[in-house]
Amino acid sequence: MRHGGRVAYMGLNHPALLETFFAAGSIGAAAVLVNPQLRQAEVEYILGDCGATTVVFGQDQRENAAGLEAELTGVRSWVSVDGGGPGE
């Protein structure tokens, strides 16, 4: 991640939400908060449109992340706040 990049967080309230938000700001990146109640197609549009290269997600969004991993080739890093990757 670098200055001017986009870091997306999709998930419910979790300490990682604030960590992601402030960490992005500290390196000059923009934090994009994605509503966890959106459907996969809506999340795909938001992540593609904002140009996120890193997505942080919670356990509740693991299924969405697994489905989007192959679709969003611009996202280089998928980070689970609970450990493991999208499909694990």
PDB file of N, CA and C in Angstrom:
ATOM      1  N   MET A   1       0.834  -1.166   0.000  1.00  0.00           N
ATOM      2  CA  MET A   1       0.000   0.000   0.000  1.00  0.00           C
ATOM      3  C   MET A   1       0.882   1.234   0.000  1.00  0.00           C
ATOM      4  N   ARG A   2       0.431   2.278  -0.650  1.00  0.00           N
ATOM      5  CA  ARG A   2       1.229   3.496  -0.721  1.00  0.00           C
ATOM      6  C   ARG A   2       0.354   4.735  -0.662  1.00  0.00           C
ATOM      7  N   HIS A   3       1.020   5.870  -0.573  1.00  0.00           N
ATOM      8  CA  HIS A   3       0.340   7.158  -0.516  1.00  0.00           C
ATOM      9  C   HIS A   3      -0.588   7.295  -1.730  1.00  0.00           C
ATOM     10  N   GLY A   4      -1.832   7.700  -1.479  1.00  0.00           N
ATOM     11  CA  GLY A   4      -2.805   7.876  -2.547  1.00  0.00           C
ATOM     12  C   GLY A   4      -3.580   6.630  -2.905  1.00  0.00           C
ATOM     13  N   GLY A   5      -3.231   5.495  -2.302  1.00  0.00           N
ATOM     14  CA  GLY A   5      -3.931   4.247  -2.583  1.00  0.00           C
ATOM     15  C   GLY A   5      -5.277   4.179  -1.871  1.00  0.00           C
ATOM     16  N   ARG A   6      -5.981   3.087  -2.064  1.00  0.00           N
ATOM     17  CA  ARG A   6      -7.280   2.869  -1.437  1.00  0.00           C
ATOM     18  C   ARG A   6      -7.257   1.555  -0.663  1.00  0.00           C
ATOM     19  N   VAL A   7      -7.686   1.633   0.593  1.00  0.00           N
ATOM     20  CA  VAL A   7      -7.810   0.458   1.448  1.00  0.00           C
ATOM     21  C   VAL A   7      -9.278   0.337   1.828  1.00  0.00           C
ATOM     22  N   ALA A   8      -9.893  -0.784   1.481  1.00  0.00           N
ATOM     23  CA  ALA A   8     -11.309  -0.980   1.787  1.00  0.00           C
ATOM     24  C   ALA A   8     -11.468  -1.875   3.005  1.00  0.00           C
ATOM     25  N   TYR A   9     -12.480  -1.576   3.809  1.00  0.00           N
ATOM     26  CA  TYR A   9     -12.839  -2.418   4.946  1.00  0.00           C
ATOM     27  C   TYR A   9     -14.285  -2.834   4.751  1.00  0.00           C
ATOM     28  N   MET A  10     -14.532  -4.137   4.730  1.00  0.00           N
ATOM     29  CA  MET A  10     -15.909  -4.620   4.649  1.00  0.00           C
ATOM     30  C   MET A  10     -16.146  -5.594   5.787  1.00  0.00           C
ATOM     31  N   GLY A  11     -17.069  -5.211   6.626  1.00  0.00           N
ATOM     32  CA  GLY A  11     -17.364  -6.043   7.779  1.00  0.00           C
ATOM     33  C   GLY A  11     -18.111  -5.263   8.840  1.00  0.00           C
ATOM     34  N   LEU A  12     -18.488  -5.967   9.873  1.00  0.00           N
ATOM     35  CA  LEU A  12     -19.188  -5.350  10.990  1.00  0.00           C
ATOM     36  C   LEU A  12     -18.195  -4.624  11.885  1.00  0.00           C
ATOM     37  N   ASN A  13     -18.690  -3.960  12.906  1.00  0.00           N
ATOM     38  CA  ASN A  13     -17.812  -3.263  13.842  1.00  0.00           C
ATOM     39  C   ASN A  13     -16.829  -4.246  14.472  1.00  0.00           C
ATOM     40  N   HIS A  14     -15.582  -3.863  14.459  1.00  0.00           N
ATOM     41  CA  HIS A  14     -14.492  -4.701  14.943  1.00  0.00           C
ATOM     42  C   HIS A  14     -13.331  -3.752  15.212  1.00  0.00           C
ATOM     43  N   PRO A  15     -12.472  -4.059  16.160  1.00  0.00           N
ATOM     44  CA  PRO A  15     -11.315  -3.185  16.382  1.00  0.00           C
ATOM     45  C   PRO A  15     -10.497  -2.955  15.102  1.00  0.00           C
ATOM     46  N   ALA A  16     -10.509  -3.925  14.200  1.00  0.00           N
ATOM     47  CA  ALA A  16      -9.755  -3.792  12.950  1.00  0.00           C
ATOM     48  C   ALA A  16     -10.312  -2.679  12.062  1.00  0.00           C
ATOM     49  N   LEU A  17     -11.559  -2.334  12.250  1.00  0.00           N
ATOM     50  CA  LEU A  17     -12.145  -1.228  11.483  1.00  0.00           C
ATOM     51  C   LEU A  17     -11.387   0.062  11.774  1.00  0.00           C
ATOM     52  N   LEU A  18     -11.225   0.380  13.040  1.00  0.00           N
ATOM     53  CA  LEU A  18     -10.488   1.585  13.412  1.00  0.00           C
ATOM     54  C   LEU A  18      -9.018   1.477  13.048  1.00  0.00           C
ATOM     55  N   GLU A  19      -8.441   0.310  13.249  1.00  0.00           N
ATOM     56  CA  GLU A  19      -7.040   0.111  12.893  1.00  0.00           C
ATOM     57  C   GLU A  19      -6.816   0.354  11.400  1.00  0.00           C
ATOM     58  N   THR A  20      -7.710  -0.172  10.580  1.00  0.00           N
ATOM     59  CA  THR A  20      -7.605   0.010   9.131  1.00  0.00           C
ATOM     60  C   THR A  20      -7.773   1.473   8.760  1.00  0.00           C
ATOM     61  N   PHE A  21      -8.768   2.116   9.351  1.00  0.00           N
ATOM     62  CA  PHE A  21      -9.062   3.516   9.066  1.00  0.00           C
ATOM     63  C   PHE A  21      -7.862   4.410   9.395  1.00  0.00           C
ATOM     64  N   PHE A  22      -7.315   4.257  10.586  1.00  0.00           N
ATOM     65  CA  PHE A  22      -6.203   5.107  11.003  1.00  0.00           C
ATOM     66  C   PHE A  22      -4.883   4.725  10.328  1.00  0.00           C
ATOM     67  N   ALA A  23      -4.671   3.447  10.074  1.00  0.00           N
ATOM     68  CA  ALA A  23      -3.449   3.028   9.383  1.00  0.00           C
ATOM     69  C   ALA A  23      -3.428   3.574   7.956  1.00  0.00           C
ATOM     70  N   ALA A  24      -4.568   3.523   7.292  1.00  0.00           N
ATOM     71  CA  ALA A  24      -4.635   4.074   5.932  1.00  0.00           C
ATOM     72  C   ALA A  24      -4.305   5.561   5.950  1.00  0.00           C
ATOM     73  N   GLY A  25      -4.893   6.284   6.878  1.00  0.00           N
ATOM     74  CA  GLY A  25      -4.625   7.710   6.983  1.00  0.00           C
ATOM     75  C   GLY A  25      -3.178   8.028   7.301  1.00  0.00           C
ATOM     76  N   SER A  26      -2.553   7.190   8.100  1.00  0.00           N
ATOM     77  CA  SER A  26      -1.170   7.462   8.496  1.00  0.00           C
ATOM     78  C   SER A  26      -0.188   7.309   7.345  1.00  0.00           C
ATOM     79  N   ILE A  27      -0.542   6.535   6.317  1.00  0.00           N
ATOM     80  CA  ILE A  27       0.339   6.405   5.151  1.00  0.00           C
ATOM     81  C   ILE A  27      -0.150   7.228   3.966  1.00  0.00           C
ATOM     82  N   GLY A  28      -1.213   7.990   4.176  1.00  0.00           N
ATOM     83  CA  GLY A  28      -1.729   8.840   3.110  1.00  0.00           C
ATOM     84  C   GLY A  28      -2.661   8.145   2.142  1.00  0.00           C
ATOM     85  N   ALA A  29      -3.167   6.994   2.513  1.00  0.00           N
ATOM     86  CA  ALA A  29      -4.129   6.270   1.688  1.00  0.00           C
ATOM     87  C   ALA A  29      -5.544   6.647   2.127  1.00  0.00           C
ATOM     88  N   ALA A  30      -6.504   6.378   1.279  1.00  0.00           N
ATOM     89  CA  ALA A  30      -7.897   6.639   1.612  1.00  0.00           C
ATOM     90  C   ALA A  30      -8.546   5.350   2.098  1.00  0.00           C
ATOM     91  N   ALA A  31      -9.271   5.447   3.200  1.00  0.00           N
ATOM     92  CA  ALA A  31     -10.023   4.293   3.714  1.00  0.00           C
ATOM     93  C   ALA A  31     -11.417   4.323   3.104  1.00  0.00           C
ATOM     94  N   VAL A  32     -11.841   3.195   2.577  1.00  0.00           N
ATOM     95  CA  VAL A  32     -13.165   3.056   1.978  1.00  0.00           C
ATOM     96  C   VAL A  32     -13.936   2.070   2.848  1.00  0.00           C
ATOM     97  N   LEU A  33     -14.963   2.549   3.498  1.00  0.00           N
ATOM     98  CA  LEU A  33     -15.766   1.692   4.366  1.00  0.00           C
ATOM     99  C   LEU A  33     -16.962   1.172   3.575  1.00  0.00           C
ATOM    100  N   VAL A  34     -17.088  -0.152   3.511  1.00  0.00           N
ATOM    101  CA  VAL A  34     -18.135  -0.791   2.721  1.00  0.00           C
ATOM    102  C   VAL A  34     -19.201  -1.345   3.665  1.00  0.00           C
ATOM    103  N   ASN A  35     -20.438  -0.992   3.417  1.00  0.00           N
ATOM    104  CA  ASN A  35     -21.559  -1.442   4.229  1.00  0.00           C
ATOM    105  C   ASN A  35     -21.633  -2.974   4.199  1.00  0.00           C
ATOM    106  N   PRO A  36     -21.602  -3.641   5.350  1.00  0.00           N
ATOM    107  CA  PRO A  36     -21.603  -5.107   5.371  1.00  0.00           C
ATOM    108  C   PRO A  36     -22.938  -5.735   4.975  1.00  0.00           C
ATOM    109  N   GLN A  37     -23.970  -4.930   4.790  1.00  0.00           N
ATOM    110  CA  GLN A  37     -25.269  -5.477   4.413  1.00  0.00           C
ATOM    111  C   GLN A  37     -25.492  -5.492   2.900  1.00  0.00           C
ATOM    112  N   LEU A  38     -24.514  -5.013   2.147  1.00  0.00           N
ATOM    113  CA  LEU A  38     -24.647  -4.988   0.697  1.00  0.00           C
ATOM    114  C   LEU A  38     -24.453  -6.376   0.109  1.00  0.00           C
ATOM    115  N   ARG A  39     -25.051  -6.571  -1.051  1.00  0.00           N
ATOM    116  CA  ARG A  39     -24.884  -7.839  -1.768  1.00  0.00           C
ATOM    117  C   ARG A  39     -23.544  -7.849  -2.487  1.00  0.00           C
ATOM    118  N   GLN A  40     -23.128  -9.030  -2.899  1.00  0.00           N
ATOM    119  CA  GLN A  40     -21.827  -9.198  -3.527  1.00  0.00           C
ATOM    120  C   GLN A  40     -21.677  -8.312  -4.764  1.00  0.00           C
ATOM    121  N   ALA A  41     -22.695  -8.215  -5.598  1.00  0.00           N
ATOM    122  CA  ALA A  41     -22.602  -7.389  -6.816  1.00  0.00           C
ATOM    123  C   ALA A  41     -22.395  -5.914  -6.472  1.00  0.00           C
ATOM    124  N   GLU A  42     -23.035  -5.455  -5.416  1.00  0.00           N
ATOM    125  CA  GLU A  42     -22.881  -4.063  -5.001  1.00  0.00           C
ATOM    126  C   GLU A  42     -21.478  -3.805  -4.455  1.00  0.00           C
ATOM    127  N   VAL A  43     -20.964  -4.741  -3.681  1.00  0.00           N
ATOM    128  CA  VAL A  43     -19.610  -4.623  -3.133  1.00  0.00           C
ATOM    129  C   VAL A  43     -18.597  -4.654  -4.273  1.00  0.00           C
ATOM    130  N   GLU A  44     -18.821  -5.531  -5.240  1.00  0.00           N
ATOM    131  CA  GLU A  44     -17.917  -5.618  -6.387  1.00  0.00           C
ATOM    132  C   GLU A  44     -17.836  -4.275  -7.111  1.00  0.00           C
ATOM    133  N   TYR A  45     -18.974  -3.639  -7.314  1.00  0.00           N
ATOM    134  CA  TYR A  45     -18.993  -2.342  -7.984  1.00  0.00           C
ATOM    135  C   TYR A  45     -18.215  -1.297  -7.181  1.00  0.00           C
ATOM    136  N   ILE A  46     -18.470  -1.232  -5.884  1.00  0.00           N
ATOM    137  CA  ILE A  46     -17.809  -0.231  -5.033  1.00  0.00           C
ATOM    138  C   ILE A  46     -16.292  -0.431  -5.036  1.00  0.00           C
ATOM    139  N   LEU A  47     -15.855  -1.666  -4.843  1.00  0.00           N
ATOM    140  CA  LEU A  47     -14.418  -1.933  -4.781  1.00  0.00           C
ATOM    141  C   LEU A  47     -13.740  -1.673  -6.124  1.00  0.00           C
ATOM    142  N   GLY A  48     -14.405  -2.023  -7.202  1.00  0.00           N
ATOM    143  CA  GLY A  48     -13.848  -1.766  -8.522  1.00  0.00           C
ATOM    144  C   GLY A  48     -13.817  -0.280  -8.850  1.00  0.00           C
ATOM    145  N   ASP A  49     -14.874   0.421  -8.487  1.00  0.00           N
ATOM    146  CA  ASP A  49     -14.976   1.846  -8.786  1.00  0.00           C
ATOM    147  C   ASP A  49     -13.984   2.687  -7.993  1.00  0.00           C
ATOM    148  N   CYS A  50     -13.761   2.338  -6.736  1.00  0.00           N
ATOM    149  CA  CYS A  50     -12.862   3.144  -5.894  1.00  0.00           C
ATOM    150  C   CYS A  50     -11.397   2.820  -6.150  1.00  0.00           C
ATOM    151  N   GLY A  51     -11.127   1.693  -6.792  1.00  0.00           N
ATOM    152  CA  GLY A  51      -9.745   1.332  -7.094  1.00  0.00           C
ATOM    153  C   GLY A  51      -8.984   0.761  -5.912  1.00  0.00           C
ATOM    154  N   ALA A  52      -9.686   0.119  -4.997  1.00  0.00           N
ATOM    155  CA  ALA A  52      -9.036  -0.465  -3.824  1.00  0.00           C
ATOM    156  C   ALA A  52      -8.034  -1.534  -4.253  1.00  0.00           C
ATOM    157  N   THR A  53      -6.852  -1.481  -3.662  1.00  0.00           N
ATOM    158  CA  THR A  53      -5.852  -2.512  -3.930  1.00  0.00           C
ATOM    159  C   THR A  53      -5.681  -3.443  -2.732  1.00  0.00           C
ATOM    160  N   THR A  54      -6.217  -3.036  -1.595  1.00  0.00           N
ATOM    161  CA  THR A  54      -6.185  -3.856  -0.388  1.00  0.00           C
ATOM    162  C   THR A  54      -7.592  -3.881   0.198  1.00  0.00           C
ATOM    163  N   VAL A  55      -8.058  -5.070   0.555  1.00  0.00           N
ATOM    164  CA  VAL A  55      -9.375  -5.209   1.174  1.00  0.00           C
ATOM    165  C   VAL A  55      -9.200  -5.957   2.495  1.00  0.00           C
ATOM    166  N   VAL A  56      -9.676  -5.342   3.561  1.00  0.00           N
ATOM    167  CA  VAL A  56      -9.686  -5.952   4.887  1.00  0.00           C
ATOM    168  C   VAL A  56     -11.123  -6.370   5.146  1.00  0.00           C
ATOM    169  N   PHE A  57     -11.340  -7.602   5.584  1.00  0.00           N
ATOM    170  CA  PHE A  57     -12.705  -8.078   5.775  1.00  0.00           C
ATOM    171  C   PHE A  57     -12.828  -8.893   7.047  1.00  0.00           C
ATOM    172  N   GLY A  58     -14.049  -8.920   7.565  1.00  0.00           N
ATOM    173  CA  GLY A  58     -14.354  -9.684   8.759  1.00  0.00           C
ATOM    174  C   GLY A  58     -14.929 -11.044   8.415  1.00  0.00           C
ATOM    175  N   GLN A  59     -15.074 -11.885   9.418  1.00  0.00           N
ATOM    176  CA  GLN A  59     -15.611 -13.239   9.242  1.00  0.00           C
ATOM    177  C   GLN A  59     -16.969 -13.217   8.539  1.00  0.00           C
ATOM    178  N   ASP A  60     -17.780 -12.221   8.870  1.00  0.00           N
ATOM    179  CA  ASP A  60     -19.115 -12.112   8.280  1.00  0.00           C
ATOM    180  C   ASP A  60     -19.073 -11.843   6.779  1.00  0.00           C
ATOM    181  N   GLN A  61     -17.947 -11.402   6.255  1.00  0.00           N
ATOM    182  CA  GLN A  61     -17.801 -11.098   4.836  1.00  0.00           C
ATOM    183  C   GLN A  61     -16.905 -12.083   4.094  1.00  0.00           C
ATOM    184  N   ARG A  62     -16.542 -13.178   4.749  1.00  0.00           N
ATOM    185  CA  ARG A  62     -15.642 -14.159   4.135  1.00  0.00           C
ATOM    186  C   ARG A  62     -16.234 -14.717   2.828  1.00  0.00           C
ATOM    187  N   GLU A  63     -17.517 -14.985   2.798  1.00  0.00           N
ATOM    188  CA  GLU A  63     -18.146 -15.526   1.592  1.00  0.00           C
ATOM    189  C   GLU A  63     -18.091 -14.510   0.451  1.00  0.00           C
ATOM    190  N   ASN A  64     -18.394 -13.242   0.755  1.00  0.00           N
ATOM    191  CA  ASN A  64     -18.284 -12.191  -0.255  1.00  0.00           C
ATOM    192  C   ASN A  64     -16.857 -12.085  -0.765  1.00  0.00           C
ATOM    193  N   ALA A  65     -15.885 -12.104   0.141  1.00  0.00           N
ATOM    194  CA  ALA A  65     -14.478 -11.977  -0.247  1.00  0.00           C
ATOM    195  C   ALA A  65     -14.062 -13.132  -1.150  1.00  0.00           C
ATOM    196  N   ALA A  66     -14.487 -14.342  -0.825  1.00  0.00           N
ATOM    197  CA  ALA A  66     -14.136 -15.505  -1.642  1.00  0.00           C
ATOM    198  C   ALA A  66     -14.716 -15.369  -3.041  1.00  0.00           C
ATOM    199  N   GLY A  67     -15.938 -14.868  -3.139  1.00  0.00           N
ATOM    200  CA  GLY A  67     -16.571 -14.691  -4.440  1.00  0.00           C
ATOM    201  C   GLY A  67     -15.960 -13.563  -5.252  1.00  0.00           C
ATOM    202  N   LEU A  68     -15.450 -12.563  -4.583  1.00  0.00           N
ATOM    203  CA  LEU A  68     -14.900 -11.393  -5.269  1.00  0.00           C
ATOM    204  C   LEU A  68     -13.425 -11.531  -5.613  1.00  0.00           C
ATOM    205  N   GLU A  69     -12.734 -12.417  -4.951  1.00  0.00           N
ATOM    206  CA  GLU A  69     -11.286 -12.543  -5.132  1.00  0.00           C
ATOM    207  C   GLU A  69     -10.919 -12.758  -6.602  1.00  0.00           C
ATOM    208  N   ALA A  70     -11.638 -13.607  -7.295  1.00  0.00           N
ATOM    209  CA  ALA A  70     -11.329 -13.883  -8.697  1.00  0.00           C
ATOM    210  C   ALA A  70     -11.816 -12.764  -9.619  1.00  0.00           C
ATOM    211  N   GLU A  71     -12.860 -12.078  -9.213  1.00  0.00           N
ATOM    212  CA  GLU A  71     -13.458 -11.034 -10.051  1.00  0.00           C
ATOM    213  C   GLU A  71     -12.666  -9.733 -10.046  1.00  0.00           C
ATOM    214  N   LEU A  72     -12.102  -9.377  -8.914  1.00  0.00           N
ATOM    215  CA  LEU A  72     -11.435  -8.088  -8.763  1.00  0.00           C
ATOM    216  C   LEU A  72      -9.921  -8.256  -8.865  1.00  0.00           C
ATOM    217  N   THR A  73      -9.425  -8.239 -10.070  1.00  0.00           N
ATOM    218  CA  THR A  73      -7.999  -8.460 -10.293  1.00  0.00           C
ATOM    219  C   THR A  73      -7.147  -7.282  -9.831  1.00  0.00           C
ATOM    220  N   GLY A  74      -7.755  -6.112  -9.629  1.00  0.00           N
ATOM    221  CA  GLY A  74      -7.004  -4.957  -9.157  1.00  0.00           C
ATOM    222  C   GLY A  74      -6.683  -5.013  -7.675  1.00  0.00           C
ATOM    223  N   VAL A  75      -7.386  -5.866  -6.951  1.00  0.00           N
ATOM    224  CA  VAL A  75      -7.121  -6.018  -5.514  1.00  0.00           C
ATOM    225  C   VAL A  75      -5.950  -6.978  -5.359  1.00  0.00           C
ATOM    226  N   ARG A  76      -4.858  -6.477  -4.786  1.00  0.00           N
ATOM    227  CA  ARG A  76      -3.649  -7.291  -4.635  1.00  0.00           C
ATOM    228  C   ARG A  76      -3.589  -8.019  -3.301  1.00  0.00           C
ATOM    229  N   SER A  77      -4.261  -7.462  -2.275  1.00  0.00           N
ATOM    230  CA  SER A  77      -4.185  -8.062  -0.939  1.00  0.00           C
ATOM    231  C   SER A  77      -5.572  -8.203  -0.334  1.00  0.00           C
ATOM    232  N   TRP A  78      -5.887  -9.400   0.121  1.00  0.00           N
ATOM    233  CA  TRP A  78      -7.118  -9.680   0.861  1.00  0.00           C
ATOM    234  C   TRP A  78      -6.689 -10.042   2.273  1.00  0.00           C
ATOM    235  N   VAL A  79      -7.109  -9.274   3.255  1.00  0.00           N
ATOM    236  CA  VAL A  79      -6.673  -9.464   4.629  1.00  0.00           C
ATOM    237  C   VAL A  79      -7.871  -9.754   5.525  1.00  0.00           C
ATOM    238  N   SER A  80      -7.892 -10.913   6.134  1.00  0.00           N
ATOM    239  CA  SER A  80      -8.958 -11.276   7.063  1.00  0.00           C
ATOM    240  C   SER A  80      -8.579 -10.823   8.469  1.00  0.00           C
ATOM    241  N   VAL A  81      -9.484 -10.156   9.150  1.00  0.00           N
ATOM    242  CA  VAL A  81      -9.200  -9.725  10.528  1.00  0.00           C
ATOM    243  C   VAL A  81      -9.210 -10.919  11.477  1.00  0.00           C
ATOM    244  N   ASP A  82      -9.725 -12.050  11.023  1.00  0.00           N
ATOM    245  CA  ASP A  82      -9.805 -13.251  11.836  1.00  0.00           C
ATOM    246  C   ASP A  82      -8.772 -14.293  11.425  1.00  0.00           C
ATOM    247  N   GLY A  83      -7.886 -13.951  10.518  1.00  0.00           N
ATOM    248  CA  GLY A  83      -6.878 -14.877  10.042  1.00  0.00           C
ATOM    249  C   GLY A  83      -7.349 -15.657   8.829  1.00  0.00           C
ATOM    250  N   GLY A  84      -6.439 -16.100   8.020  1.00  0.00           N
ATOM    251  CA  GLY A  84      -6.771 -16.859   6.823  1.00  0.00           C
ATOM    252  C   GLY A  84      -7.155 -15.945   5.669  1.00  0.00           C
ATOM    253  N   GLY A  85      -7.321 -16.550   4.525  1.00  0.00           N
ATOM    254  CA  GLY A  85      -7.692 -15.797   3.326  1.00  0.00           C
ATOM    255  C   GLY A  85      -9.169 -15.893   3.035  1.00  0.00           C
ATOM    256  N   PRO A  86      -9.603 -15.365   1.891  1.00  0.00           N
ATOM    257  CA  PRO A  86     -11.023 -15.360   1.554  1.00  0.00           C
ATOM    258  C   PRO A  86     -11.682 -16.727   1.548  1.00  0.00           C
ATOM    259  N   GLY A  87     -11.037 -17.737   0.979  1.00  0.00           N
ATOM    260  CA  GLY A  87     -11.669 -19.039   0.870  1.00  0.00           C
ATOM    261  C   GLY A  87     -11.373 -20.004   2.009  1.00  0.00           C
ATOM    262  N   GLU A  88     -10.632 -19.567   3.015  1.00  0.00           N
ATOM    263  CA  GLU A  88     -10.211 -20.500   4.077  1.00  0.00           C
ATOM    264  C   GLU A  88     -11.196 -20.540   5.211  1.00  0.00           C
TER     265      GLU A  88
END
